[in-house]
Amino acid sequence: MDGLCHSTIIRPNYHEICEKIDFQRHFHALLRLMEFGPNLRMPHSRAIGGGLFELRPRGREGIGRAFYYFVVGQRVVILHAFVKKTQETPEQELRIARKRMKEVQNDCCKI
């Protein structure tokens, strides 16, 4: 690692997803995210827009996705994770991630 040392906050359901998809691939995806931070690009990460990104690990059981964003101080917040069953990202999954991002942003503003 190059010393960027991003901290990661993981929402509860990410651990459930790691059980369904190859955990080792998720772990490596998180390590890449911590190492490269906002510089992580395709095929490992993709910008969704509005500060929201998706982590893109693949496993034996399917394609996992985890939405995240960066908070002041190089912190990474994993907002929502799911197993992708279709080519397109379901709008419901995006809504959950955006809602959680607003919740975290509101909590950060209170500090």
Foldseek 3Di string as FASTA:
>chain_A
DQPQQAAEAEDPCVVVVCVQFPVVQVVVLVVVCRVQPPNDDPPQKDDPDPQKIWGWTAGPRAIKIWIWGADPPRYIYGQDMDGDDDPDDDPVRVVSSVVSVVVVVVVVVVD
